[in-house]
């Protein structure tokens, strides 16, 4: 009881502090109307943000179907809780660190902390035809889905409390700086000319390299030899992948930040890449095993979506076809190679998101065309070999920061609070040991 009263007192003090800040700043300069706002663009970006939000429960079903039944519910609730926690961090300081005025090209300042001065007036630095708040809302969904991708690397063995602490720190010190490097005005990779239309490096390469660090630090699951890993619900995997595919239209096409020809182009090539990656993954499956698996088709689609993400606003349809075909082949063979090591990346986050994002980022440097997006650049095949070098630098910097930063954060957390559940809790399953519930009543009984 004493601990509960202390916790309640801390929460009340935190709420009081927030109310005091909002009272002091009077709503942060939010205007009732803003000049130059385009209603169609605003609607498009708002709908795009809602589609990206749908990707969080979609990821929950996708990951949840891939884990063992005793960890299904915990995987779903991890995705939901991460969405809530990352949203809180984004509002309090994350958005400002990512998109505030640049401090040496490395991180944003705190001008937009608590979303002060982020209102209905457009911020011309990022989107001149929509409210600044709409842009912040759209980017919030990226900050929420990215850390959720990482949980696939340590599924079935992390403490829920430790996970939430990790998410707060990770969004703050790993995600926000990289978002600033690539997308923030004054960010050093943006000034270098790196192209990342919708998050190939910021989201997928960063999450994949962080997942690699997490799998390394947390270690392998127990009893894999005695209890082989089998997906508990392949229909959930198909459902999750299908909803991810749908939500990805908001992810990529919404990143045009306007309802225009570029948005339609991004919409179309996103679908093309996902479809061709699905087919190429199934083809490799068929040749290797004699049967194309349903699970493989779903994973292939996600790999294609990952790979087209950085390129969606810079490439044409033939390029999207090539990106998708190679994504399905490359990612599958990386999965196969990873399984031959001691690394236990439970749901192959590094192979699918990390490597898929790397391939997409490099493909952008090869296949981008200014005729598709004048604000972008030409790639290697269109007379600009320098672009591939810039993309390599962006990938290398993101991998180094994602892996190194995540490794340090996780090692410190492991020492201070502990990351893994006990062997008994792991054997019992996280559903019951961490939440006192189960996905199915018979499982709990």
Protein backbone atom coordinates (compact mmCIF):
# COMPACT_ATOMS: atom_id res chain seq x y z
CA UNK A 1 0.00 0.00 0.00
CA UNK A 2 2.82 2.39 0.86
CA UNK A 3 4.43 1.87 -2.56
CA UNK A 4 1.10 2.47 -4.30
CA UNK A 5 0.60 5.74 -2.42
CA UNK A 6 4.10 6.89 -3.36
CA UNK A 7 3.46 6.01 -7.02
CA UNK A 8 0.16 7.88 -6.97
CA UNK A 9 1.84 10.92 -5.43
CA UNK A 10 4.51 10.93 -8.15
CA UNK A 11 1.86 10.71 -10.88
CA UNK A 12 -0.12 13.58 -9.33
CA UNK A 13 2.99 15.73 -9.04
CA UNK A 14 3.80 15.04 -12.69
CA UNK A 15 0.30 16.04 -13.78
CA UNK A 16 0.48 19.18 -11.67
CA UNK A 17 3.79 20.12 -13.28
CA UNK A 18 2.34 19.65 -16.77
CA UNK A 19 -0.69 21.78 -15.92
CA UNK A 20 1.59 24.48 -14.58
CA UNK A 21 3.62 24.51 -17.77
CA UNK A 22 0.55 24.70 -19.99
CA UNK A 23 -0.87 27.42 -17.81
CA UNK A 24 2.39 29.37 -18.02
CA UNK A 25 2.51 29.22 -21.80
CA UNK A 26 -1.18 29.61 -22.46
CA UNK A 27 -1.54 26.84 -25.00
CA UNK A 28 1.77 27.47 -26.70
CA UNK A 29 0.62 29.93 -29.35
CA UNK A 30 -1.88 27.62 -30.99
CA UNK A 31 -3.87 29.64 -33.50
CA UNK A 32 -7.50 29.10 -34.42
CA UNK A 33 -6.73 29.38 -38.11
CA UNK A 34 -3.64 29.61 -40.26
CA UNK A 35 -2.95 31.28 -43.59
CA UNK A 36 -1.92 29.04 -46.46
CA UNK A 37 -3.57 25.86 -45.17
CA UNK A 38 -4.82 23.54 -47.88
CA UNK A 39 -7.81 21.52 -46.67
CA UNK A 40 -7.15 18.61 -49.08
CA UNK A 41 -3.51 18.31 -48.06
CA UNK A 42 -4.46 18.48 -44.39
CA UNK A 43 -7.06 15.76 -44.82
CA UNK A 44 -4.59 13.57 -46.72
CA UNK A 45 -1.86 13.83 -44.10
CA UNK A 46 -4.34 13.29 -41.27
CA UNK A 47 -5.70 10.17 -42.95
CA UNK A 48 -2.14 9.03 -43.60
CA UNK A 49 -1.36 9.37 -39.90
CA UNK A 50 -4.42 7.28 -39.04
CA UNK A 51 -3.30 4.59 -41.48
CA UNK A 52 0.13 4.53 -39.87
CA UNK A 53 -1.54 4.17 -36.47
CA UNK A 54 -3.32 1.07 -37.82
CA UNK A 55 0.11 -0.46 -38.37
CA UNK A 56 0.63 -0.80 -34.60
CA UNK A 57 -2.16 -3.36 -34.00
CA UNK A 58 -1.28 -4.88 -37.40
CA UNK A 59 2.28 -5.41 -36.20
CA UNK A 60 0.88 -6.89 -33.00
CA UNK A 61 -1.06 -9.51 -34.95
CA UNK A 62 1.86 -10.14 -37.31
CA UNK A 63 4.33 -10.67 -34.45
CA UNK A 64 1.74 -12.29 -32.19
CA UNK A 65 0.96 -14.97 -34.73
CA UNK A 66 4.66 -15.78 -35.08
CA UNK A 67 5.38 -16.36 -31.36
CA UNK A 68 4.33 -19.35 -29.26
CA UNK A 69 0.82 -19.33 -27.84
CA UNK A 70 1.96 -18.63 -24.29
CA UNK A 71 3.41 -15.29 -25.47
CA UNK A 72 0.68 -14.16 -27.88
CA UNK A 73 -1.15 -11.77 -25.55
CA UNK A 74 2.06 -10.23 -24.20
CA UNK A 75 3.23 -9.47 -27.75
CA UNK A 76 -0.03 -7.71 -28.56
CA UNK A 77 0.00 -5.63 -25.38
CA UNK A 78 3.66 -4.71 -25.85
CA UNK A 79 2.78 -3.09 -29.18
CA UNK A 80 -0.15 -1.22 -27.64
CA UNK A 81 1.85 -0.04 -24.63
CA UNK A 82 4.77 1.08 -26.79
CA UNK A 83 2.39 3.17 -28.88
CA UNK A 84 1.17 4.94 -25.74
CA UNK A 85 4.62 5.44 -24.20
CA UNK A 86 6.23 6.66 -27.42
CA UNK A 87 3.34 9.09 -27.91
CA UNK A 88 3.98 10.55 -24.46
CA UNK A 89 7.70 10.94 -25.12
CA UNK A 90 6.98 12.54 -28.50
CA UNK A 91 4.67 15.17 -27.01
CA UNK A 92 6.91 15.99 -24.04
CA UNK A 93 10.28 16.32 -25.79
CA UNK A 94 10.72 13.82 -28.64
CA UNK A 95 9.24 15.96 -31.42
CA UNK A 96 11.38 18.89 -30.41
CA UNK A 97 14.56 16.79 -30.35
CA UNK A 98 13.76 15.52 -33.84
CA UNK A 99 12.40 18.63 -35.55
CA UNK A 100 13.33 21.57 -33.33
CA UNK A 101 15.96 24.13 -34.39
CA UNK A 102 19.17 22.24 -35.08
CA UNK A 103 21.99 22.08 -32.55
CA UNK A 104 25.11 21.43 -34.60
CA UNK A 105 23.24 19.21 -37.05
CA UNK A 106 23.02 16.48 -34.39
CA UNK A 107 19.74 17.04 -32.56
CA UNK A 108 16.93 19.55 -32.34
CA UNK A 109 16.64 22.06 -29.52
CA UNK A 110 13.78 22.20 -27.04
CA UNK A 111 11.76 25.01 -28.60
CA UNK A 112 8.90 22.62 -29.35
CA UNK A 113 8.94 20.75 -26.02
CA UNK A 114 5.39 20.04 -24.84
CA UNK A 115 4.46 21.09 -28.40
CA UNK A 116 4.72 24.74 -27.47
CA UNK A 117 4.12 26.95 -30.54
CA UNK A 118 3.11 23.86 -32.53
CA UNK A 119 -0.37 24.80 -33.63
CA UNK A 120 -2.57 25.39 -36.66
CA UNK A 121 -0.13 27.70 -38.44
CA UNK A 122 2.01 25.81 -40.99
CA UNK A 123 5.72 25.35 -40.43
CA UNK A 124 7.14 26.17 -43.86
CA UNK A 125 10.38 24.32 -43.08
CA UNK A 126 8.53 21.01 -43.30
CA UNK A 127 5.07 21.42 -44.80
CA UNK A 128 3.74 24.77 -45.89
CA UNK A 129 0.15 23.75 -46.65
CA UNK A 130 -0.84 21.86 -43.50
CA UNK A 131 -0.99 22.88 -39.82
CA UNK A 132 2.26 22.38 -37.94
CA UNK A 133 0.27 20.21 -35.53
CA UNK A 134 -0.74 17.90 -38.41
CA UNK A 135 2.91 17.37 -39.31
CA UNK A 136 3.78 16.64 -35.67
CA UNK A 137 0.83 14.22 -35.47
CA UNK A 138 1.97 12.39 -38.61
CA UNK A 139 5.55 12.08 -37.38
CA UNK A 140 4.30 10.90 -33.99
CA UNK A 141 3.03 7.72 -35.61
CA UNK A 142 6.49 6.99 -37.04
CA UNK A 143 8.04 7.46 -33.61
CA UNK A 144 5.48 5.04 -32.16
CA UNK A 145 5.77 2.22 -34.71
CA UNK A 146 9.58 2.21 -34.94
CA UNK A 147 10.41 0.96 -31.41
CA UNK A 148 7.61 -1.60 -31.68
CA UNK A 149 9.52 -3.23 -34.54
CA UNK A 150 12.41 -4.00 -32.19
CA UNK A 151 10.42 -6.25 -29.86
CA UNK A 152 10.51 -9.05 -32.39
CA UNK A 153 14.22 -9.52 -31.65
CA UNK A 154 13.70 -10.35 -27.96
CA UNK A 155 10.16 -11.70 -28.06
CA UNK A 156 9.23 -14.22 -25.37
CA UNK A 157 11.88 -13.24 -22.80
CA UNK A 158 11.86 -9.57 -21.73
CA UNK A 159 10.38 -8.04 -18.58
CA UNK A 160 7.51 -5.72 -19.35
CA UNK A 161 8.74 -3.04 -16.91
CA UNK A 162 12.22 -3.09 -18.44
CA UNK A 163 10.74 -2.84 -21.92
CA UNK A 164 8.82 0.34 -21.09
CA UNK A 165 11.90 1.99 -19.58
CA UNK A 166 13.91 1.00 -22.65
CA UNK A 167 11.32 2.56 -24.98
CA UNK A 168 11.43 5.92 -23.18
CA UNK A 169 15.21 6.07 -23.38
CA UNK A 170 15.44 4.66 -26.91
CA UNK A 171 13.00 7.12 -28.47
CA UNK A 172 14.83 9.95 -26.73
CA UNK A 173 18.50 9.14 -27.35
CA UNK A 174 18.46 6.83 -30.37
CA UNK A 175 15.43 7.58 -32.55
CA UNK A 176 15.02 11.35 -32.18
CA UNK A 177 18.64 12.23 -33.11
CA UNK A 178 18.60 10.05 -36.26
CA UNK A 179 15.24 11.51 -37.30
CA UNK A 180 16.86 14.93 -36.96
CA UNK A 181 19.97 13.90 -38.93
CA UNK A 182 17.92 12.73 -41.90
CA UNK A 183 14.73 14.80 -41.85
CA UNK A 184 15.33 17.80 -39.60
CA UNK A 185 16.28 21.15 -41.09
CA UNK A 186 20.01 21.48 -40.43
CA UNK A 187 20.46 17.74 -39.85
CA UNK A 188 23.89 16.65 -41.06
CA UNK A 189 22.71 13.76 -43.24
CA UNK A 190 19.99 15.90 -44.77
CA UNK A 191 22.57 18.57 -45.60
CA UNK A 192 24.80 15.85 -47.04
CA UNK A 193 22.00 15.00 -49.46
CA UNK A 194 20.77 11.68 -48.03
CA UNK A 195 17.44 10.55 -49.49
CA UNK A 196 14.91 8.82 -47.25
CA UNK A 197 11.37 9.51 -48.35
CA UNK A 198 9.44 7.71 -45.62
CA UNK A 199 11.85 6.08 -43.18
CA UNK A 200 14.03 3.41 -44.75
CA UNK A 201 16.97 4.50 -42.62
CA UNK A 202 15.21 6.40 -39.83
CA UNK A 203 12.71 3.63 -39.16
CA UNK A 204 13.85 0.31 -40.58
CA UNK A 205 17.65 0.40 -40.62
CA UNK A 206 17.60 1.99 -37.17
CA UNK A 207 15.11 -0.53 -35.76
CA UNK A 208 16.91 -3.44 -37.40
CA UNK A 209 20.35 -2.49 -36.07
CA UNK A 210 18.85 -1.84 -32.63
CA UNK A 211 17.18 -5.26 -32.78
CA UNK A 212 20.54 -6.83 -33.52
CA UNK A 213 22.00 -5.19 -30.42
CA UNK A 214 19.01 -6.31 -28.35
CA UNK A 215 19.28 -9.93 -29.45
CA UNK A 216 23.01 -9.83 -28.65
CA UNK A 217 22.61 -8.36 -25.17
CA UNK A 218 19.54 -10.30 -24.05
CA UNK A 219 20.70 -13.64 -25.40
CA UNK A 220 18.99 -16.75 -26.67
CA UNK A 221 15.72 -18.18 -25.48
CA UNK A 222 15.71 -21.22 -23.21
CA UNK A 223 14.90 -24.72 -24.32
CA UNK A 224 14.78 -24.03 -28.06
CA UNK A 225 16.07 -27.54 -28.73
CA UNK A 226 13.42 -29.13 -26.50
CA UNK A 227 10.60 -26.79 -27.51
CA UNK A 228 11.07 -25.84 -31.18
CA UNK A 229 9.67 -22.47 -32.13
CA UNK A 230 6.44 -22.81 -34.11
CA UNK A 231 4.07 -19.93 -34.92
CA UNK A 232 0.92 -20.17 -32.85
CA UNK A 233 -1.46 -18.61 -35.38
CA UNK A 234 -0.51 -18.27 -39.05
CA UNK A 235 -3.88 -16.65 -39.93
CA UNK A 236 -2.91 -13.84 -37.52
CA UNK A 237 0.36 -13.49 -39.44
CA UNK A 238 -1.56 -13.15 -42.73
CA UNK A 239 -4.01 -10.70 -41.16
CA UNK A 240 -1.21 -8.62 -39.67
CA UNK A 241 0.75 -8.51 -42.93
CA UNK A 242 -2.35 -7.52 -44.90
CA UNK A 243 -3.15 -4.70 -42.49
CA UNK A 244 0.48 -3.59 -42.54
CA UNK A 245 0.31 -3.47 -46.33
CA UNK A 246 -2.82 -1.30 -46.11
CA UNK A 247 -1.38 0.96 -43.42
CA UNK A 248 1.85 1.36 -45.39
CA UNK A 249 0.00 3.42 -47.99
CA UNK A 250 -0.32 6.11 -45.32
CA UNK A 251 3.28 5.52 -44.26
CA UNK A 252 4.71 6.15 -47.74
CA UNK A 253 2.16 8.16 -49.69
CA UNK A 254 1.38 10.33 -46.67
CA UNK A 255 5.05 11.30 -46.56
CA UNK A 256 4.47 13.47 -49.62
CA UNK A 257 2.72 15.75 -47.08
CA UNK A 258 0.30 16.83 -49.80
CA UNK A 259 -2.33 15.24 -52.04
CA UNK A 260 -0.49 15.53 -55.33
CA UNK A 261 1.13 13.51 -58.09
CA UNK A 262 4.07 12.54 -55.89
CA UNK A 263 1.71 11.03 -53.33
CA UNK A 264 -0.01 8.98 -56.03
CA UNK A 265 3.35 7.81 -57.38
CA UNK A 266 4.45 6.76 -53.90
CA UNK A 267 1.12 4.99 -53.39
CA UNK A 268 1.53 3.00 -56.59
CA UNK A 269 5.18 1.96 -56.25
CA UNK A 270 4.56 0.89 -52.65
CA UNK A 271 2.00 -1.64 -53.82
CA UNK A 272 4.20 -2.81 -56.69
CA UNK A 273 7.25 -3.48 -54.50
CA UNK A 274 5.22 -5.38 -51.90
CA UNK A 275 3.59 -7.56 -54.55
CA UNK A 276 6.84 -8.45 -56.29
CA UNK A 277 8.61 -9.18 -53.00
CA UNK A 278 5.76 -11.52 -52.05
CA UNK A 279 6.19 -13.38 -55.33
CA UNK A 280 9.98 -13.57 -55.12
CA UNK A 281 9.91 -14.86 -51.52
CA UNK A 282 7.40 -17.54 -52.50
CA UNK A 283 9.52 -18.47 -55.52
CA UNK A 284 12.63 -18.97 -53.39
CA UNK A 285 10.54 -20.92 -50.85
CA UNK A 286 9.21 -23.12 -53.63
CA UNK A 287 12.68 -23.86 -54.98
CA UNK A 288 14.16 -24.54 -51.54
CA UNK A 289 11.43 -26.63 -49.94
CA UNK A 290 9.08 -27.63 -52.73
CA UNK A 291 6.19 -25.72 -51.12
CA UNK A 292 5.50 -21.97 -50.82
CA UNK A 293 4.58 -21.27 -47.19
CA UNK A 294 1.78 -18.94 -46.17
CA UNK A 295 4.00 -17.45 -43.47
CA UNK A 296 6.74 -16.82 -46.04
CA UNK A 297 4.37 -14.97 -48.36
CA UNK A 298 3.37 -12.65 -45.53
CA UNK A 299 6.97 -12.01 -44.49
CA UNK A 300 7.96 -11.39 -48.11
CA UNK A 301 5.28 -8.73 -48.46
CA UNK A 302 6.59 -6.92 -45.38
CA UNK A 303 10.17 -7.06 -46.71
CA UNK A 304 9.04 -5.48 -49.96
CA UNK A 305 7.24 -2.73 -48.06
CA UNK A 306 10.35 -2.10 -45.98
CA UNK A 307 12.61 -1.87 -49.02
CA UNK A 308 10.42 0.56 -50.98
CA UNK A 309 9.98 2.91 -48.01
CA UNK A 310 13.07 5.11 -48.55
CA UNK A 311 12.62 5.08 -52.33
CA UNK A 312 8.85 5.55 -52.61
CA UNK A 313 9.03 9.23 -53.51
CA UNK A 314 12.01 8.96 -55.86
CA UNK A 315 11.59 5.93 -58.15
CA UNK A 316 9.35 4.76 -60.98
CA UNK A 317 7.41 1.52 -61.45
CA UNK A 318 10.19 -0.59 -63.07
CA UNK A 319 12.54 0.41 -60.24
CA UNK A 320 9.90 -0.56 -57.66
CA UNK A 321 9.57 -3.96 -59.32
CA UNK A 322 13.33 -4.51 -59.09
CA UNK A 323 13.45 -3.33 -55.48
CA UNK A 324 10.64 -5.70 -54.52
CA UNK A 325 12.02 -8.76 -56.30
CA UNK A 326 15.48 -8.38 -54.77
CA UNK A 327 14.06 -7.59 -51.32
CA UNK A 328 12.27 -10.93 -51.22
CA UNK A 329 15.42 -12.81 -52.26
CA UNK A 330 17.99 -10.91 -50.19
CA UNK A 331 15.99 -10.86 -46.95
CA UNK A 332 15.13 -14.56 -47.15
CA UNK A 333 18.74 -15.61 -47.60
CA UNK A 334 19.84 -13.37 -44.72
CA UNK A 335 17.19 -15.11 -42.56
CA UNK A 336 18.63 -18.48 -43.58
CA UNK A 337 22.19 -17.41 -42.81
CA UNK A 338 21.19 -15.91 -39.46
CA UNK A 339 19.54 -19.17 -38.38
CA UNK A 340 22.94 -20.87 -38.75
CA UNK A 341 24.48 -18.64 -36.09
CA UNK A 342 24.03 -18.46 -32.32
CA UNK A 343 22.09 -15.22 -32.66
CA UNK A 344 18.47 -15.55 -31.53
CA UNK A 345 16.67 -12.72 -33.31
CA UNK A 346 13.30 -14.32 -32.62
CA UNK A 347 11.28 -12.85 -35.48
CA UNK A 348 14.15 -11.94 -37.83
CA UNK A 349 13.87 -8.21 -37.32
CA UNK A 350 17.42 -7.51 -38.46
CA UNK A 351 17.12 -9.64 -41.60
CA UNK A 352 13.74 -8.23 -42.65
CA UNK A 353 13.77 -4.64 -41.42
CA UNK A 354 17.47 -3.93 -41.04
CA UNK A 355 18.72 -5.57 -44.24
CA UNK A 356 15.53 -4.73 -46.14
CA UNK A 357 15.94 -1.08 -45.16
CA UNK A 358 19.62 -1.10 -46.14
CA UNK A 359 18.79 -2.54 -49.55
CA UNK A 360 16.04 0.06 -50.04
CA UNK A 361 18.33 2.94 -49.03
CA UNK A 362 21.08 1.80 -51.39
CA UNK A 363 18.58 1.11 -54.16
CA UNK A 364 17.43 4.71 -53.78
CA UNK A 365 20.98 5.82 -54.45
CA UNK A 366 21.00 3.71 -57.61
CA UNK A 367 17.49 4.19 -59.03
CA UNK A 368 16.27 7.63 -57.86
CA UNK A 369 15.22 10.13 -60.53
CA UNK A 370 14.69 13.86 -60.20
CA UNK A 371 12.00 13.59 -62.84
CA UNK A 372 9.92 11.74 -60.23
CA UNK A 373 10.70 14.21 -57.45
CA UNK A 374 12.56 17.44 -58.27
CA UNK A 375 13.29 17.89 -54.56
CA UNK A 376 15.23 14.62 -54.56
CA UNK A 377 18.17 13.66 -56.74
CA UNK A 378 19.29 11.34 -59.50
CA UNK A 379 20.85 8.02 -58.61
CA UNK A 380 23.80 6.08 -59.98
CA UNK A 381 21.96 4.82 -63.08
CA UNK A 382 20.86 8.34 -63.94
CA UNK A 383 24.27 10.00 -63.95
CA UNK A 384 24.92 10.69 -60.27
CA UNK A 385 27.30 8.12 -58.71
CA UNK A 386 27.79 10.45 -55.74
CA UNK A 387 24.30 9.61 -54.47
CA UNK A 388 25.15 6.00 -53.74
CA UNK A 389 28.09 7.15 -51.60
CA UNK A 390 25.79 9.47 -49.65
CA UNK A 391 23.31 6.63 -49.10
CA UNK A 392 26.13 4.37 -47.90
CA UNK A 393 27.19 7.04 -45.41
CA UNK A 394 23.62 7.39 -44.14
CA UNK A 395 23.23 3.64 -43.70
CA UNK A 396 26.61 3.28 -41.97
CA UNK A 397 25.91 6.15 -39.57
CA UNK A 398 22.44 4.82 -38.74
CA UNK A 399 23.67 1.28 -38.13
CA UNK A 400 26.50 2.51 -35.92
CA UNK A 401 24.23 4.75 -33.85
CA UNK A 402 21.39 2.25 -33.67
CA UNK A 403 23.53 -0.71 -32.68
CA UNK A 404 25.95 1.18 -30.42
CA UNK A 405 23.37 3.34 -28.69
CA UNK A 406 20.96 0.47 -28.14
CA UNK A 407 23.72 -1.82 -26.87
CA UNK A 408 24.79 0.74 -24.25
CA UNK A 409 21.21 1.46 -23.14
CA UNK A 410 20.38 -2.22 -22.84
CA UNK A 411 23.57 -3.11 -20.98
CA UNK A 412 22.96 -0.34 -18.44
CA UNK A 413 19.33 -1.37 -18.00
CA UNK A 414 20.35 -4.99 -17.56
CA UNK A 415 22.67 -3.98 -14.73
CA UNK A 416 20.23 -1.59 -13.06
CA UNK A 417 16.81 -3.26 -13.42
CA UNK A 418 17.41 -6.53 -15.29
CA UNK A 419 16.09 -7.26 -18.77
CA UNK A 420 15.12 -10.90 -18.83
CA UNK A 421 12.36 -12.65 -17.00
CA UNK A 422 13.37 -15.55 -14.75
CA UNK A 423 13.75 -19.03 -16.27
CA UNK A 424 10.53 -20.09 -14.56
CA UNK A 425 8.65 -17.08 -15.97
CA UNK A 426 10.03 -17.72 -19.45
CA UNK A 427 8.93 -21.36 -19.32
CA UNK A 428 5.49 -20.34 -18.09
CA UNK A 429 5.16 -17.70 -20.81
CA UNK A 430 4.97 -13.93 -20.64
CA UNK A 431 1.18 -13.83 -20.92
CA UNK A 432 0.71 -15.31 -17.47
CA UNK A 433 4.01 -14.34 -15.81
CA UNK A 434 3.93 -10.66 -16.84
CA UNK A 435 0.21 -9.92 -17.17
CA UNK A 436 -1.65 -12.63 -15.27
CA UNK A 437 -3.76 -13.31 -18.35
CA UNK A 438 -3.70 -15.53 -21.40
CA UNK A 439 -4.81 -15.24 -24.99
CA UNK A 440 -7.24 -18.12 -24.53
CA UNK A 441 -9.05 -19.12 -21.33
CA UNK A 442 -8.14 -22.81 -21.69
CA UNK A 443 -4.49 -21.82 -21.80
CA UNK A 444 -4.80 -19.99 -18.49
CA UNK A 445 -6.71 -22.82 -16.82
